[in-house]
């Protein structure tokens, strides 16, 4: 004969040691383990291992991201250094060209003005007022051209004034 109370009662045995557990207790009285696997999993050992693994994975991801950013920064520094070196080289070449252009402008202006002065002296000695007016007009045009050339060669206003003074001193002491 089958006992009806035993048929209705669930099989309450410990999941680990397989010993019978009274009234489906949550903790086995023989081995001391929890019968709920989810709660058992959150015991100190398993949970701390899980948290440690998560932290190690997060640390690795941050390390990888920081490494990529460092590589990008190093590349940017190399490119910036290269650009700076190129800009300095170009600036030195431009400065050399400006110095050469200034010297040529000064020399050309000095020679033209001296030739114009010599022509004016010859014209004055001839007592020809018409030629003297044309010589003065040519001198004024030459001054305009010299100032235009200096303005192109020397963009800074203060430097341009200094060179204009130098030019006038060299031409007309």
N, C-alpha and C. Protein backbone atom coordinates (compact mmCIF):
# COMPACT_ATOMS: atom_id res chain seq x y z
N UNK A 1 0.80 -1.16 0.00
CA UNK A 1 0.00 0.00 0.00
C UNK A 1 0.86 1.25 0.00
N UNK A 2 0.40 2.16 -0.75
CA UNK A 2 1.16 3.39 -0.95
C UNK A 2 0.66 4.42 0.03
N UNK A 3 1.61 5.03 0.68
CA UNK A 3 1.30 6.07 1.64
C UNK A 3 1.04 7.36 0.87
N UNK A 4 -0.15 7.92 1.08
CA UNK A 4 -0.51 9.12 0.35
C UNK A 4 0.31 10.32 0.79
N UNK A 5 0.69 10.40 2.02
CA UNK A 5 1.45 11.56 2.51
C UNK A 5 2.86 11.57 1.92
N UNK A 6 3.44 10.36 1.67
CA UNK A 6 4.78 10.33 1.09
C UNK A 6 4.72 10.63 -0.41
N UNK A 7 3.61 10.34 -1.07
CA UNK A 7 3.48 10.62 -2.49
C UNK A 7 3.34 12.11 -2.74
N UNK A 8 2.68 12.79 -1.81
CA UNK A 8 2.48 14.22 -1.99
C UNK A 8 3.70 15.03 -1.55
N UNK A 9 4.48 14.52 -0.65
CA UNK A 9 5.62 15.27 -0.15
C UNK A 9 6.73 15.26 -1.19
N UNK A 10 7.31 16.37 -1.44
CA UNK A 10 8.38 16.42 -2.42
C UNK A 10 9.62 15.73 -1.87
N UNK A 11 10.48 15.31 -2.78
CA UNK A 11 11.71 14.64 -2.39
C UNK A 11 12.67 15.71 -1.90
N UNK A 12 12.80 15.80 -0.60
CA UNK A 12 13.65 16.83 -0.01
C UNK A 12 14.98 16.21 0.38
N UNK A 13 15.88 16.27 -0.50
CA UNK A 13 17.24 15.78 -0.27
C UNK A 13 18.21 16.94 -0.55
N UNK A 14 19.35 16.90 0.09
CA UNK A 14 20.38 17.91 -0.11
C UNK A 14 20.92 17.77 -1.53
N UNK A 15 21.11 18.86 -2.18
CA UNK A 15 21.62 18.84 -3.56
C UNK A 15 23.08 18.40 -3.62
N UNK A 16 23.77 18.49 -2.52
CA UNK A 16 25.21 18.21 -2.52
C UNK A 16 25.54 16.85 -1.89
N UNK A 17 25.04 16.62 -0.68
CA UNK A 17 25.38 15.36 -0.02
C UNK A 17 24.29 14.30 -0.15
N UNK A 18 23.17 14.64 -0.72
CA UNK A 18 22.05 13.75 -1.01
C UNK A 18 21.41 13.16 0.24
N UNK A 19 21.61 13.75 1.37
CA UNK A 19 20.97 13.33 2.62
C UNK A 19 19.60 13.97 2.70
N UNK A 20 18.66 13.32 3.35
CA UNK A 20 17.32 13.90 3.47
C UNK A 20 17.37 15.19 4.31
N UNK A 21 16.61 16.19 3.86
CA UNK A 21 16.55 17.48 4.53
C UNK A 21 15.15 17.64 5.08
N UNK A 22 15.05 18.10 6.30
CA UNK A 22 13.75 18.23 6.96
C UNK A 22 12.95 19.36 6.33
N UNK A 23 11.74 19.03 5.92
CA UNK A 23 10.77 20.00 5.37
C UNK A 23 11.39 20.93 4.32
N UNK A 24 12.19 20.39 3.47
CA UNK A 24 12.83 21.15 2.39
C UNK A 24 13.50 22.42 2.94
N UNK A 25 14.35 22.23 3.91
CA UNK A 25 15.05 23.34 4.55
C UNK A 25 15.95 24.03 3.53
N UNK A 26 16.23 25.29 3.80
CA UNK A 26 17.08 26.05 2.87
C UNK A 26 18.56 25.75 3.09
N UNK A 27 18.93 25.19 4.26
CA UNK A 27 20.32 24.82 4.54
C UNK A 27 20.33 23.38 5.02
N UNK A 28 21.28 22.60 4.47
CA UNK A 28 21.39 21.19 4.86
C UNK A 28 22.00 21.11 6.26
N UNK A 29 21.42 20.28 7.15
CA UNK A 29 21.94 20.16 8.51
C UNK A 29 23.19 19.27 8.57
N UNK A 30 23.46 18.51 7.51
CA UNK A 30 24.63 17.64 7.47
C UNK A 30 25.87 18.38 6.93
N UNK A 31 25.73 18.96 5.71
CA UNK A 31 26.91 19.59 5.08
C UNK A 31 26.94 21.10 5.25
N UNK A 32 25.82 21.73 5.63
CA UNK A 32 25.78 23.17 5.88
C UNK A 32 25.67 24.02 4.62
N UNK A 33 25.35 23.41 3.49
CA UNK A 33 25.26 24.18 2.25
C UNK A 33 23.84 24.62 2.00
N UNK A 34 23.72 25.76 1.36
CA UNK A 34 22.38 26.29 1.01
C UNK A 34 21.81 25.44 -0.12
N UNK A 35 20.54 25.30 -0.10
CA UNK A 35 19.88 24.48 -1.12
C UNK A 35 19.44 25.29 -2.33
N UNK A 36 19.33 26.58 -2.18
CA UNK A 36 19.01 27.46 -3.30
C UNK A 36 20.33 27.76 -4.04
N UNK A 37 20.42 27.32 -5.27
CA UNK A 37 21.68 27.46 -6.00
C UNK A 37 22.04 28.93 -6.26
N UNK A 38 21.05 29.74 -6.49
CA UNK A 38 21.33 31.15 -6.73
C UNK A 38 21.95 31.79 -5.49
N UNK A 39 21.36 31.56 -4.34
CA UNK A 39 21.93 32.10 -3.10
C UNK A 39 23.28 31.47 -2.80
N UNK A 40 23.41 30.19 -3.13
CA UNK A 40 24.68 29.52 -2.89
C UNK A 40 25.79 30.10 -3.77
N UNK A 41 25.42 30.50 -4.94
CA UNK A 41 26.41 31.05 -5.86
C UNK A 41 26.96 32.37 -5.35
N UNK A 42 26.11 33.14 -4.65
CA UNK A 42 26.53 34.44 -4.12
C UNK A 42 27.30 34.33 -2.82
N UNK A 43 27.75 33.19 -2.50
CA UNK A 43 28.61 33.06 -1.33
C UNK A 43 29.91 33.81 -1.60
N UNK A 44 30.66 34.05 -0.59
CA UNK A 44 31.84 34.90 -0.66
C UNK A 44 32.82 34.46 -1.73
N UNK A 45 33.16 33.22 -1.83
CA UNK A 45 34.18 32.74 -2.76
C UNK A 45 33.78 32.97 -4.22
N UNK A 46 32.62 32.53 -4.61
CA UNK A 46 32.20 32.64 -6.01
C UNK A 46 31.97 34.09 -6.42
N UNK A 47 31.33 34.85 -5.56
CA UNK A 47 31.01 36.23 -5.90
C UNK A 47 32.27 37.08 -6.01
N UNK A 48 33.21 36.88 -5.12
CA UNK A 48 34.44 37.66 -5.18
C UNK A 48 35.26 37.31 -6.43
N UNK A 49 35.23 36.05 -6.83
CA UNK A 49 35.93 35.66 -8.06
C UNK A 49 35.27 36.34 -9.26
N UNK A 50 33.95 36.36 -9.29
CA UNK A 50 33.22 37.00 -10.39
C UNK A 50 33.55 38.50 -10.45
N UNK A 51 33.49 39.18 -9.31
CA UNK A 51 33.79 40.62 -9.27
C UNK A 51 35.24 40.85 -9.71
N UNK A 52 36.14 40.00 -9.27
CA UNK A 52 37.55 40.15 -9.66
C UNK A 52 37.71 40.02 -11.16
N UNK A 53 37.04 39.05 -11.75
CA UNK A 53 37.12 38.88 -13.20
C UNK A 53 36.56 40.09 -13.94
N UNK A 54 35.45 40.60 -13.47
CA UNK A 54 34.86 41.79 -14.10
C UNK A 54 35.83 42.96 -14.01
N UNK A 55 36.45 43.14 -12.85
CA UNK A 55 37.39 44.25 -12.68
C UNK A 55 38.63 44.07 -13.56
N UNK A 56 39.11 42.84 -13.70
CA UNK A 56 40.27 42.59 -14.56
C UNK A 56 39.91 42.90 -16.02
N UNK A 57 38.72 42.51 -16.44
CA UNK A 57 38.28 42.79 -17.82
C UNK A 57 38.17 44.29 -18.04
N UNK A 58 37.59 45.02 -17.09
CA UNK A 58 37.48 46.47 -17.21
C UNK A 58 38.85 47.14 -17.23
N UNK A 59 39.75 46.65 -16.40
CA UNK A 59 41.11 47.22 -16.39
C UNK A 59 41.80 46.98 -17.73
N UNK A 60 41.62 45.80 -18.31
CA UNK A 60 42.23 45.51 -19.61
C UNK A 60 41.65 46.42 -20.68
N UNK A 61 40.34 46.62 -20.67
CA UNK A 61 39.72 47.49 -21.66
C UNK A 61 40.22 48.93 -21.52
N UNK A 62 40.37 49.40 -20.29
CA UNK A 62 40.90 50.74 -20.09
C UNK A 62 42.36 50.83 -20.52
N UNK A 63 43.13 49.80 -20.25
CA UNK A 63 44.53 49.77 -20.69
C UNK A 63 44.62 49.84 -22.20
N UNK A 64 43.78 49.06 -22.86
CA UNK A 64 43.78 49.03 -24.33
C UNK A 64 43.40 50.39 -24.89
N UNK A 65 42.40 51.02 -24.32
CA UNK A 65 41.97 52.35 -24.78
C UNK A 65 43.06 53.39 -24.53
N UNK A 66 43.69 53.33 -23.36
CA UNK A 66 44.76 54.28 -23.05
C UNK A 66 45.95 54.08 -23.99
N UNK A 67 46.24 52.85 -24.33
CA UNK A 67 47.34 52.57 -25.26
C UNK A 67 47.05 53.16 -26.63
N UNK A 68 45.82 52.99 -27.11
CA UNK A 68 45.44 53.56 -28.40
C UNK A 68 45.54 55.08 -28.38
N UNK A 69 45.11 55.69 -27.29
CA UNK A 69 45.19 57.15 -27.17
C UNK A 69 46.65 57.60 -27.12
N UNK A 70 47.50 56.84 -26.44
CA UNK A 70 48.92 57.19 -26.36
C UNK A 70 49.56 57.11 -27.75
N UNK A 71 49.19 56.08 -28.52
CA UNK A 71 49.73 55.94 -29.87
C UNK A 71 49.27 57.11 -30.74
N UNK A 72 48.00 57.49 -30.62
CA UNK A 72 47.50 58.65 -31.37
C UNK A 72 48.24 59.92 -30.97
N UNK A 73 48.48 60.09 -29.68
CA UNK A 73 49.18 61.28 -29.20
C UNK A 73 50.61 61.30 -29.71
N UNK A 74 51.28 60.16 -29.71
CA UNK A 74 52.65 60.10 -30.22
C UNK A 74 52.69 60.44 -31.71
N UNK A 75 51.72 59.94 -32.46
CA UNK A 75 51.65 60.25 -33.89
C UNK A 75 51.41 61.75 -34.09
N UNK A 76 50.53 62.32 -33.30
CA UNK A 76 50.25 63.75 -33.41
C UNK A 76 51.49 64.58 -33.06
N UNK A 77 52.24 64.15 -32.05
CA UNK A 77 53.46 64.87 -31.68
C UNK A 77 54.48 64.80 -32.81
N UNK A 78 54.63 63.60 -33.41
CA UNK A 78 55.56 63.47 -34.53
C UNK A 78 55.16 64.37 -35.69
N UNK A 79 53.87 64.39 -36.03
CA UNK A 79 53.39 65.24 -37.12
C UNK A 79 53.58 66.72 -36.80
N UNK A 80 53.29 67.10 -35.56
CA UNK A 80 53.46 68.50 -35.16
C UNK A 80 54.93 68.91 -35.21
N UNK A 81 55.81 68.02 -34.77
CA UNK A 81 57.24 68.32 -34.82
C UNK A 81 57.70 68.47 -36.26
N UNK A 82 57.24 67.58 -37.11
CA UNK A 82 57.60 67.66 -38.53
C UNK A 82 57.08 68.96 -39.14
N UNK A 83 55.86 69.33 -38.83
CA UNK A 83 55.27 70.57 -39.35
C UNK A 83 56.04 71.79 -38.83
N UNK A 84 56.42 71.75 -37.55
CA UNK A 84 57.19 72.86 -36.98
C UNK A 84 58.53 73.00 -37.68
N UNK A 85 59.21 71.86 -37.89
CA UNK A 85 60.52 71.90 -38.56
C UNK A 85 60.39 72.43 -39.98
N UNK A 86 59.35 71.99 -40.68
CA UNK A 86 59.11 72.47 -42.04
C UNK A 86 58.82 73.97 -42.05
N UNK A 87 58.00 74.41 -41.10
CA UNK A 87 57.67 75.84 -41.02
C UNK A 87 58.91 76.67 -40.70
N UNK A 88 59.77 76.18 -39.81
CA UNK A 88 61.00 76.91 -39.49
C UNK A 88 61.92 76.98 -40.70
N UNK A 89 62.01 75.87 -41.45
CA UNK A 89 62.85 75.86 -42.64
C UNK A 89 62.34 76.85 -43.68
N UNK A 90 61.03 76.84 -43.90
CA UNK A 90 60.43 77.77 -44.86
C UNK A 90 60.62 79.21 -44.38
N UNK A 91 60.47 79.45 -43.08
CA UNK A 91 60.64 80.80 -42.55
C UNK A 91 62.08 81.29 -42.76
N UNK A 92 63.06 80.38 -42.56
CA UNK A 92 64.45 80.78 -42.79
C UNK A 92 64.69 81.11 -44.27
N UNK A 93 64.11 80.28 -45.17
CA UNK A 93 64.28 80.56 -46.60
C UNK A 93 63.62 81.87 -46.99
N UNK A 94 62.42 82.12 -46.48
CA UNK A 94 61.71 83.36 -46.79
C UNK A 94 62.49 84.56 -46.25
N UNK A 95 63.03 84.42 -45.05
CA UNK A 95 63.80 85.51 -44.47
C UNK A 95 65.04 85.80 -45.32
N UNK A 96 65.70 84.74 -45.78
CA UNK A 96 66.86 84.93 -46.66
C UNK A 96 66.47 85.62 -47.95
N UNK A 97 65.34 85.20 -48.52
CA UNK A 97 64.87 85.84 -49.75
C UNK A 97 64.51 87.30 -49.51
N UNK A 98 63.89 87.59 -48.38
CA UNK A 98 63.55 88.98 -48.07
C UNK A 98 64.80 89.82 -47.91
N UNK A 99 65.79 89.27 -47.23
CA UNK A 99 67.05 90.02 -47.07
C UNK A 99 67.69 90.30 -48.43
N UNK A 100 67.73 89.27 -49.28
CA UNK A 100 68.29 89.47 -50.63
C UNK A 100 67.50 90.49 -51.42
N UNK A 101 66.18 90.41 -51.33
CA UNK A 101 65.32 91.35 -52.05
C UNK A 101 65.53 92.77 -51.52
N UNK A 102 65.66 92.90 -50.22
CA UNK A 102 65.90 94.23 -49.65
C UNK A 102 67.22 94.82 -50.17
N UNK A 103 68.24 93.98 -50.15
CA UNK A 103 69.54 94.46 -50.62
C UNK A 103 69.49 94.85 -52.10
N UNK A 104 68.82 94.02 -52.91
CA UNK A 104 68.69 94.34 -54.33
C UNK A 104 67.88 95.61 -54.53
N UNK A 105 66.81 95.76 -53.75
CA UNK A 105 65.99 96.97 -53.86
C UNK A 105 66.80 98.20 -53.48
N UNK A 106 67.57 98.09 -52.40
CA UNK A 106 68.39 99.22 -51.99
C UNK A 106 69.44 99.55 -53.05
N UNK A 107 70.09 98.52 -53.58
CA UNK A 107 71.12 98.76 -54.59
C UNK A 107 70.53 99.37 -55.86
N UNK A 108 69.41 98.80 -56.33
CA UNK A 108 68.78 99.31 -57.54
C UNK A 108 68.30 100.74 -57.35
N UNK A 109 67.70 100.99 -56.21
CA UNK A 109 67.21 102.35 -55.95
C UNK A 109 68.37 103.33 -55.86
N UNK A 110 69.44 102.92 -55.19
CA UNK A 110 70.60 103.81 -55.08
C UNK A 110 71.17 104.14 -56.44
N UNK A 111 71.33 103.10 -57.27
CA UNK A 111 71.90 103.32 -58.60
C UNK A 111 70.99 104.19 -59.45
N UNK A 112 69.70 103.92 -59.43
CA UNK A 112 68.76 104.71 -60.24
C UNK A 112 68.73 106.15 -59.78
N UNK A 113 68.74 106.33 -58.49
CA UNK A 113 68.68 107.70 -57.98
C UNK A 113 69.96 108.46 -58.30
N UNK A 114 71.10 107.78 -58.16
CA UNK A 114 72.36 108.44 -58.50
C UNK A 114 72.43 108.80 -59.98
N UNK A 115 71.92 107.92 -60.83
CA UNK A 115 71.89 108.23 -62.26
C UNK A 115 70.97 109.40 -62.53
N UNK A 116 69.83 109.43 -61.84
CA UNK A 116 68.88 110.52 -62.00
C UNK A 116 69.48 111.84 -61.51
N UNK A 117 70.23 111.77 -60.41
CA UNK A 117 70.87 112.98 -59.90
C UNK A 117 71.93 113.50 -60.87
N UNK A 118 72.67 112.56 -61.44
CA UNK A 118 73.70 112.98 -62.41
C UNK A 118 73.05 113.62 -63.62
N UNK A 119 71.93 113.06 -64.07
CA UNK A 119 71.22 113.64 -65.21
C UNK A 119 70.69 115.02 -64.86
N UNK A 120 70.17 115.14 -63.62
CA UNK A 120 69.63 116.43 -63.18
C UNK A 120 70.74 117.47 -63.12
N UNK A 121 71.91 117.07 -62.67
CA UNK A 121 73.04 118.01 -62.60
C UNK A 121 73.44 118.46 -63.99
N UNK A 122 73.43 117.54 -64.94
CA UNK A 122 73.75 117.91 -66.32
C UNK A 122 72.70 118.87 -66.88
N UNK A 123 71.43 118.60 -66.56
CA UNK A 123 70.36 119.44 -67.08
C UNK A 123 70.44 120.83 -66.46
N UNK A 124 70.73 120.90 -65.17
CA UNK A 124 70.85 122.20 -64.50
C UNK A 124 72.00 123.00 -65.13
N UNK A 125 73.07 122.29 -65.41
CA UNK A 125 74.21 122.99 -66.01
C UNK A 125 73.87 123.51 -67.40
N UNK A 126 72.89 122.92 -68.07
CA UNK A 126 72.48 123.37 -69.39
C UNK A 126 71.46 124.50 -69.31
N UNK A 127 70.94 124.80 -68.14
CA UNK A 127 69.92 125.83 -67.94
C UNK A 127 68.67 125.56 -68.79
N UNK A 128 68.18 124.34 -68.76
CA UNK A 128 66.99 123.97 -69.51
C UNK A 128 65.89 123.64 -68.50
N UNK A 129 64.97 124.59 -68.24
CA UNK A 129 63.93 124.37 -67.23
C UNK A 129 62.96 123.25 -67.60
N UNK A 130 62.70 123.03 -68.88
CA UNK A 130 61.78 121.97 -69.31
C UNK A 130 62.36 120.60 -68.97
N UNK A 131 63.63 120.39 -69.23
CA UNK A 131 64.27 119.13 -68.89
C UNK A 131 64.35 118.95 -67.37
N UNK A 132 64.50 120.01 -66.64
CA UNK A 132 64.56 119.95 -65.19
C UNK A 132 63.22 119.49 -64.62
N UNK A 133 62.11 120.00 -65.18
CA UNK A 133 60.77 119.57 -64.74
C UNK A 133 60.57 118.08 -65.01
N UNK A 134 60.97 117.63 -66.20
CA UNK A 134 60.82 116.21 -66.55
C UNK A 134 61.68 115.33 -65.64
N UNK A 135 62.86 115.84 -65.29
CA UNK A 135 63.75 115.08 -64.40
C UNK A 135 63.14 114.99 -63.00
N UNK A 136 62.53 116.08 -62.52
CA UNK A 136 61.88 116.06 -61.20
C UNK A 136 60.69 115.08 -61.21
N UNK A 137 59.94 115.09 -62.31
CA UNK A 137 58.80 114.17 -62.43
C UNK A 137 59.29 112.72 -62.44
N UNK A 138 60.37 112.45 -63.17
CA UNK A 138 60.93 111.10 -63.21
C UNK A 138 61.44 110.69 -61.82
N UNK A 139 62.03 111.64 -61.09
CA UNK A 139 62.51 111.34 -59.75
C UNK A 139 61.34 110.99 -58.83
N UNK A 140 60.23 111.75 -58.92
CA UNK A 140 59.05 111.45 -58.10
C UNK A 140 58.48 110.07 -58.43
N UNK A 141 58.41 109.73 -59.71
CA UNK A 141 57.93 108.41 -60.10
C UNK A 141 58.86 107.31 -59.59
N UNK A 142 60.15 107.57 -59.63
CA UNK A 142 61.12 106.60 -59.11
C UNK A 142 60.91 106.39 -57.62
N UNK A 143 60.67 107.48 -56.88
CA UNK A 143 60.40 107.35 -55.45
C UNK A 143 59.17 106.47 -55.20
N UNK A 144 58.10 106.67 -55.99
CA UNK A 144 56.89 105.86 -55.84
C UNK A 144 57.19 104.39 -56.10
N UNK A 145 57.94 104.12 -57.15
CA UNK A 145 58.29 102.74 -57.47
C UNK A 145 59.17 102.13 -56.38
N UNK A 146 60.10 102.91 -55.87
CA UNK A 146 60.96 102.40 -54.79
C UNK A 146 60.12 102.09 -53.56
N UNK A 147 59.20 102.98 -53.20
CA UNK A 147 58.34 102.75 -52.04
C UNK A 147 57.44 101.53 -52.25
N UNK A 148 56.93 101.33 -53.46
CA UNK A 148 56.12 100.15 -53.76
C UNK A 148 56.94 98.88 -53.61
N UNK A 149 58.16 98.91 -54.14
CA UNK A 149 59.05 97.76 -54.04
C UNK A 149 59.39 97.46 -52.59
N UNK A 150 59.65 98.48 -51.83
CA UNK A 150 59.95 98.28 -50.41
C UNK A 150 58.72 97.74 -49.67
N UNK A 151 57.53 98.24 -50.01
CA UNK A 151 56.30 97.77 -49.37
C UNK A 151 56.08 96.28 -49.65
N UNK A 152 56.40 95.84 -50.86
CA UNK A 152 56.26 94.43 -51.18
C UNK A 152 57.31 93.59 -50.46
N UNK A 153 58.51 94.11 -50.36
CA UNK A 153 59.60 93.36 -49.75
C UNK A 153 59.51 93.36 -48.23
N UNK A 154 58.98 94.43 -47.65
CA UNK A 154 58.94 94.56 -46.19
C UNK A 154 57.51 94.85 -45.77
N UNK A 155 56.75 93.85 -45.35
CA UNK A 155 55.34 94.07 -45.01
C UNK A 155 55.13 94.85 -43.70
N UNK A 156 56.07 94.78 -42.76
CA UNK A 156 55.91 95.47 -41.48
C UNK A 156 56.18 96.97 -41.65
N UNK A 157 55.25 97.79 -41.16
CA UNK A 157 55.32 99.24 -41.35
C UNK A 157 56.56 99.85 -40.71
N UNK A 158 56.89 99.44 -39.48
CA UNK A 158 58.05 100.02 -38.79
C UNK A 158 59.35 99.66 -39.50
N UNK A 159 59.46 98.38 -39.90
CA UNK A 159 60.67 97.97 -40.63
C UNK A 159 60.78 98.71 -41.96
N UNK A 160 59.63 98.90 -42.62
CA UNK A 160 59.62 99.59 -43.91
C UNK A 160 60.10 101.04 -43.75
N UNK A 161 59.66 101.70 -42.70
CA UNK A 161 60.11 103.08 -42.45
C UNK A 161 61.61 103.12 -42.17
N UNK A 162 62.09 102.13 -41.41
CA UNK A 162 63.52 102.07 -41.11
C UNK A 162 64.33 101.89 -42.39
N UNK A 163 63.89 100.99 -43.27
CA UNK A 163 64.61 100.77 -44.53
C UNK A 163 64.49 101.97 -45.47
N UNK A 164 63.34 102.65 -45.43
CA UNK A 164 63.22 103.86 -46.26
C UNK A 164 64.21 104.92 -45.80
N UNK A 165 64.36 105.05 -44.48
CA UNK A 165 65.34 105.99 -43.95
C UNK A 165 66.75 105.58 -44.37
N UNK A 166 67.02 104.27 -44.29
CA UNK A 166 68.34 103.77 -44.70
C UNK A 166 68.58 104.05 -46.16
N UNK A 167 67.55 103.86 -46.97
CA UNK A 167 67.68 104.08 -48.40
C UNK A 167 67.98 105.55 -48.68
N UNK A 168 67.28 106.43 -48.02
CA UNK A 168 67.50 107.87 -48.25
C UNK A 168 68.89 108.28 -47.75
N UNK A 169 69.34 107.70 -46.64
CA UNK A 169 70.67 108.03 -46.13
C UNK A 169 71.74 107.54 -47.11
N UNK A 170 71.53 106.34 -47.67
CA UNK A 170 72.51 105.80 -48.59
C UNK A 170 72.54 106.60 -49.89
N UNK A 171 71.39 107.09 -50.31
CA UNK A 171 71.32 107.79 -51.58
C UNK A 171 71.71 109.25 -51.40
N UNK A 172 71.11 109.86 -50.41
CA UNK A 172 71.26 111.30 -50.25
C UNK A 172 71.82 111.60 -48.87
N UNK A 173 73.12 111.43 -48.64
CA UNK A 173 73.68 111.62 -47.28
C UNK A 173 73.62 113.05 -46.80
